N, C-alpha and C. Protein backbone atom coordinates (compact mmCIF):
# COMPACT_ATOMS: atom_id res chain seq x y z
N MET A 1 0.85 -1.18 0.00
CA MET A 1 0.00 0.00 0.00
C MET A 1 0.89 1.24 0.00
N ALA A 2 0.75 2.03 -1.01
CA ALA A 2 1.52 3.27 -1.11
C ALA A 2 0.68 4.43 -0.62
N GLY A 3 1.33 5.45 -0.13
CA GLY A 3 0.61 6.61 0.34
C GLY A 3 1.09 7.86 -0.38
N GLY A 4 0.31 8.90 -0.30
CA GLY A 4 0.71 10.16 -0.92
C GLY A 4 0.71 10.05 -2.44
N TRP A 5 1.78 10.53 -3.09
CA TRP A 5 1.86 10.55 -4.54
C TRP A 5 2.49 9.29 -5.12
N ALA A 6 2.94 8.39 -4.29
CA ALA A 6 3.58 7.17 -4.79
C ALA A 6 2.54 6.23 -5.38
N ARG A 7 2.94 5.55 -6.44
CA ARG A 7 2.02 4.61 -7.07
C ARG A 7 1.96 3.32 -6.24
N ASP A 8 0.98 2.50 -6.48
CA ASP A 8 0.86 1.23 -5.78
C ASP A 8 2.06 0.35 -6.09
N GLY A 9 2.61 -0.27 -5.07
CA GLY A 9 3.74 -1.16 -5.24
C GLY A 9 5.09 -0.47 -5.19
N ALA A 10 5.14 0.84 -5.04
CA ALA A 10 6.40 1.58 -5.04
C ALA A 10 7.27 1.20 -3.84
N VAL A 11 6.66 1.01 -2.69
CA VAL A 11 7.42 0.67 -1.49
C VAL A 11 8.05 -0.71 -1.65
N GLU A 12 7.27 -1.67 -2.15
CA GLU A 12 7.79 -3.02 -2.35
C GLU A 12 8.92 -3.02 -3.37
N GLU A 13 8.80 -2.21 -4.43
CA GLU A 13 9.86 -2.12 -5.43
C GLU A 13 11.15 -1.56 -4.83
N GLN A 14 11.02 -0.58 -3.95
CA GLN A 14 12.19 0.00 -3.31
C GLN A 14 12.87 -1.01 -2.38
N ILE A 15 12.06 -1.79 -1.65
CA ILE A 15 12.62 -2.82 -0.78
C ILE A 15 13.35 -3.87 -1.61
N GLU A 16 12.75 -4.34 -2.68
CA GLU A 16 13.38 -5.33 -3.56
C GLU A 16 14.67 -4.78 -4.17
N ALA A 17 14.67 -3.51 -4.56
CA ALA A 17 15.87 -2.90 -5.13
C ALA A 17 16.98 -2.83 -4.09
N SER A 18 16.63 -2.49 -2.86
CA SER A 18 17.63 -2.44 -1.79
C SER A 18 18.23 -3.81 -1.51
N ILE A 19 17.40 -4.83 -1.50
CA ILE A 19 17.88 -6.19 -1.27
C ILE A 19 18.77 -6.62 -2.42
N SER A 20 18.39 -6.34 -3.65
CA SER A 20 19.21 -6.71 -4.81
C SER A 20 20.56 -6.01 -4.79
N ASP A 21 20.57 -4.74 -4.42
CA ASP A 21 21.83 -3.99 -4.33
C ASP A 21 22.76 -4.58 -3.28
N GLU A 22 22.19 -4.94 -2.13
CA GLU A 22 23.01 -5.51 -1.06
C GLU A 22 23.56 -6.88 -1.45
N LEU A 23 22.75 -7.70 -2.10
CA LEU A 23 23.23 -9.00 -2.56
C LEU A 23 24.34 -8.85 -3.59
N ALA A 24 24.20 -7.91 -4.50
CA ALA A 24 25.25 -7.67 -5.50
C ALA A 24 26.53 -7.18 -4.84
N ARG A 25 26.41 -6.34 -3.82
CA ARG A 25 27.59 -5.85 -3.10
C ARG A 25 28.30 -6.99 -2.37
N MET A 26 27.52 -7.89 -1.77
CA MET A 26 28.12 -9.01 -1.05
C MET A 26 28.82 -9.98 -2.01
N LYS A 27 28.23 -10.20 -3.18
CA LYS A 27 28.84 -11.10 -4.16
C LYS A 27 30.13 -10.51 -4.73
N ALA A 28 30.20 -9.18 -4.81
CA ALA A 28 31.37 -8.52 -5.38
C ALA A 28 32.51 -8.39 -4.37
N ARG A 29 32.26 -8.70 -3.11
CA ARG A 29 33.29 -8.61 -2.08
C ARG A 29 34.47 -9.48 -2.42
N LYS A 30 35.64 -8.97 -2.16
CA LYS A 30 36.86 -9.71 -2.49
C LYS A 30 37.02 -10.89 -1.54
N THR A 31 37.34 -12.03 -2.11
CA THR A 31 37.67 -13.21 -1.33
C THR A 31 39.07 -13.63 -1.72
N PRO A 32 39.79 -14.25 -0.81
CA PRO A 32 41.15 -14.67 -1.14
C PRO A 32 41.15 -15.66 -2.31
N VAL A 33 42.10 -15.51 -3.19
CA VAL A 33 42.27 -16.44 -4.31
C VAL A 33 43.74 -16.80 -4.41
N GLY A 34 44.02 -17.84 -5.14
CA GLY A 34 45.41 -18.25 -5.32
C GLY A 34 45.80 -19.32 -4.34
N GLU A 35 47.09 -19.48 -4.16
CA GLU A 35 47.59 -20.52 -3.30
C GLU A 35 47.67 -20.04 -1.85
N SER A 36 47.22 -20.90 -0.94
CA SER A 36 47.25 -20.57 0.48
C SER A 36 48.68 -20.65 1.01
N LEU A 37 48.95 -19.87 2.03
CA LEU A 37 50.23 -19.95 2.72
C LEU A 37 50.20 -21.11 3.71
N THR A 38 51.32 -21.73 3.96
CA THR A 38 51.38 -22.81 4.95
C THR A 38 51.56 -22.26 6.36
N HIS A 39 52.09 -21.03 6.47
CA HIS A 39 52.27 -20.37 7.77
C HIS A 39 51.66 -18.98 7.70
N CYS A 40 51.15 -18.53 8.83
CA CYS A 40 50.48 -17.23 8.94
C CYS A 40 51.43 -16.10 8.55
N ALA A 41 50.92 -15.13 7.82
CA ALA A 41 51.72 -14.00 7.36
C ALA A 41 52.07 -13.05 8.51
N GLU A 42 51.32 -13.09 9.62
CA GLU A 42 51.58 -12.18 10.73
C GLU A 42 52.36 -12.82 11.88
N CYS A 43 51.96 -14.02 12.30
CA CYS A 43 52.60 -14.63 13.48
C CYS A 43 53.47 -15.83 13.14
N ASP A 44 53.47 -16.26 11.92
CA ASP A 44 54.29 -17.37 11.42
C ASP A 44 53.92 -18.73 12.02
N GLU A 45 52.71 -18.83 12.59
CA GLU A 45 52.21 -20.12 13.08
C GLU A 45 51.69 -20.93 11.89
N PRO A 46 51.76 -22.26 11.94
CA PRO A 46 51.25 -23.07 10.84
C PRO A 46 49.74 -22.91 10.67
N ILE A 47 49.29 -22.83 9.44
CA ILE A 47 47.85 -22.77 9.14
C ILE A 47 47.39 -24.20 8.89
N PRO A 48 46.36 -24.68 9.61
CA PRO A 48 45.90 -26.05 9.44
C PRO A 48 45.47 -26.35 8.00
N GLU A 49 45.71 -27.59 7.58
CA GLU A 49 45.37 -28.02 6.22
C GLU A 49 43.88 -27.84 5.94
N ALA A 50 43.03 -28.11 6.93
CA ALA A 50 41.58 -27.97 6.73
C ALA A 50 41.22 -26.52 6.41
N ARG A 51 41.86 -25.56 7.07
CA ARG A 51 41.58 -24.14 6.79
C ARG A 51 42.04 -23.77 5.39
N ARG A 52 43.22 -24.26 5.00
CA ARG A 52 43.73 -23.96 3.67
C ARG A 52 42.85 -24.57 2.59
N ALA A 53 42.27 -25.74 2.86
CA ALA A 53 41.38 -26.38 1.88
C ALA A 53 40.04 -25.65 1.81
N ALA A 54 39.54 -25.17 2.95
CA ALA A 54 38.24 -24.50 2.99
C ALA A 54 38.28 -23.11 2.38
N LEU A 55 39.41 -22.40 2.56
CA LEU A 55 39.55 -21.03 2.07
C LEU A 55 40.77 -20.92 1.17
N PRO A 56 40.64 -21.20 -0.11
CA PRO A 56 41.81 -21.07 -1.00
C PRO A 56 42.35 -19.64 -0.97
N GLY A 57 43.64 -19.51 -0.83
CA GLY A 57 44.27 -18.20 -0.80
C GLY A 57 44.38 -17.60 0.58
N VAL A 58 44.09 -18.37 1.63
CA VAL A 58 44.13 -17.83 2.99
C VAL A 58 45.57 -17.49 3.36
N LYS A 59 45.74 -16.37 4.07
CA LYS A 59 47.07 -15.89 4.42
C LYS A 59 47.27 -15.76 5.93
N LEU A 60 46.17 -15.81 6.71
CA LEU A 60 46.26 -15.62 8.16
C LEU A 60 45.68 -16.82 8.90
N CYS A 61 46.23 -17.09 10.09
CA CYS A 61 45.67 -18.13 10.94
C CYS A 61 44.36 -17.62 11.55
N ILE A 62 43.64 -18.50 12.20
CA ILE A 62 42.34 -18.13 12.75
C ILE A 62 42.48 -17.04 13.82
N ASP A 63 43.47 -17.18 14.70
CA ASP A 63 43.65 -16.18 15.78
C ASP A 63 43.93 -14.79 15.22
N CYS A 64 44.84 -14.70 14.25
CA CYS A 64 45.16 -13.39 13.67
C CYS A 64 43.97 -12.81 12.91
N MET A 65 43.20 -13.67 12.24
CA MET A 65 42.03 -13.19 11.51
C MET A 65 40.98 -12.67 12.48
N GLN A 66 40.78 -13.37 13.61
CA GLN A 66 39.81 -12.91 14.61
C GLN A 66 40.24 -11.58 15.22
N GLU A 67 41.54 -11.40 15.46
CA GLU A 67 42.03 -10.12 15.99
C GLU A 67 41.79 -9.00 14.98
N ARG A 68 42.04 -9.28 13.71
CA ARG A 68 41.83 -8.27 12.67
C ARG A 68 40.36 -7.92 12.54
N ASP A 69 39.48 -8.94 12.60
CA ASP A 69 38.05 -8.69 12.51
C ASP A 69 37.55 -7.89 13.70
N ALA A 70 38.07 -8.17 14.90
CA ALA A 70 37.64 -7.46 16.10
C ALA A 70 38.08 -5.99 16.06
N ALA A 71 39.21 -5.72 15.43
CA ALA A 71 39.73 -4.35 15.37
C ALA A 71 39.01 -3.51 14.32
N TYR A 72 38.29 -4.14 13.39
CA TYR A 72 37.61 -3.42 12.32
C TYR A 72 36.42 -2.65 12.87
N LYS A 73 36.37 -1.37 12.58
CA LYS A 73 35.26 -0.53 12.99
C LYS A 73 34.67 0.12 11.73
N PRO A 74 33.45 -0.28 11.35
CA PRO A 74 32.87 0.31 10.14
C PRO A 74 32.56 1.80 10.34
N ARG A 75 32.68 2.53 9.26
CA ARG A 75 32.36 3.96 9.31
C ARG A 75 30.86 4.13 9.44
N PRO A 76 30.43 5.10 10.22
CA PRO A 76 28.99 5.33 10.32
C PRO A 76 28.45 5.91 9.02
N GLY A 77 27.23 5.56 8.71
CA GLY A 77 26.59 6.08 7.51
C GLY A 77 26.01 7.47 7.73
N ILE A 78 25.37 7.98 6.73
CA ILE A 78 24.73 9.29 6.83
C ILE A 78 23.37 9.12 7.45
N ASN A 79 23.06 9.96 8.41
CA ASN A 79 21.75 9.94 9.04
C ASN A 79 20.79 10.71 8.14
N ARG A 80 20.08 9.99 7.30
CA ARG A 80 19.18 10.64 6.34
C ARG A 80 17.94 11.21 7.00
N ARG A 81 17.63 10.74 8.19
CA ARG A 81 16.43 11.23 8.87
C ARG A 81 16.74 12.40 9.79
N GLY A 82 18.00 12.65 10.04
CA GLY A 82 18.38 13.74 10.92
C GLY A 82 18.26 15.09 10.24
N SER A 83 18.37 16.12 11.02
CA SER A 83 18.34 17.47 10.45
C SER A 83 19.65 17.75 9.74
N LYS A 84 19.66 18.79 8.92
CA LYS A 84 20.89 19.17 8.23
C LYS A 84 21.98 19.54 9.22
N ASP A 85 21.60 20.16 10.35
CA ASP A 85 22.58 20.54 11.34
C ASP A 85 23.28 19.31 11.92
N SER A 86 22.52 18.23 12.16
CA SER A 86 23.13 17.04 12.74
C SER A 86 24.08 16.37 11.76
N GLN A 87 23.88 16.54 10.46
CA GLN A 87 24.75 15.95 9.46
C GLN A 87 26.04 16.74 9.28
N LEU A 88 26.02 18.00 9.67
CA LEU A 88 27.20 18.86 9.50
C LEU A 88 28.18 18.72 10.66
N ARG A 89 27.76 18.15 11.75
CA ARG A 89 28.63 18.03 12.93
C ARG A 89 29.66 16.97 12.73
């Protein structure tokens, strides 16, 4: 159900477009390729054969990868619902 000047089905089309965009972005994400390392690039610990088989091109052991993931802080997006003043701060 659309309201105002929007045609019927406009909201559903926008939701579907958002989902399609997100799926395309996830598929385009870089994944490791090539030959896996036998030892971690950061701590030089051996990488288990099962991990190398599951993730071709892996360069880090599980511990180093978890530390890197924990340190990652995504940038905040734009608050589209906020006032212009709140976006300028």
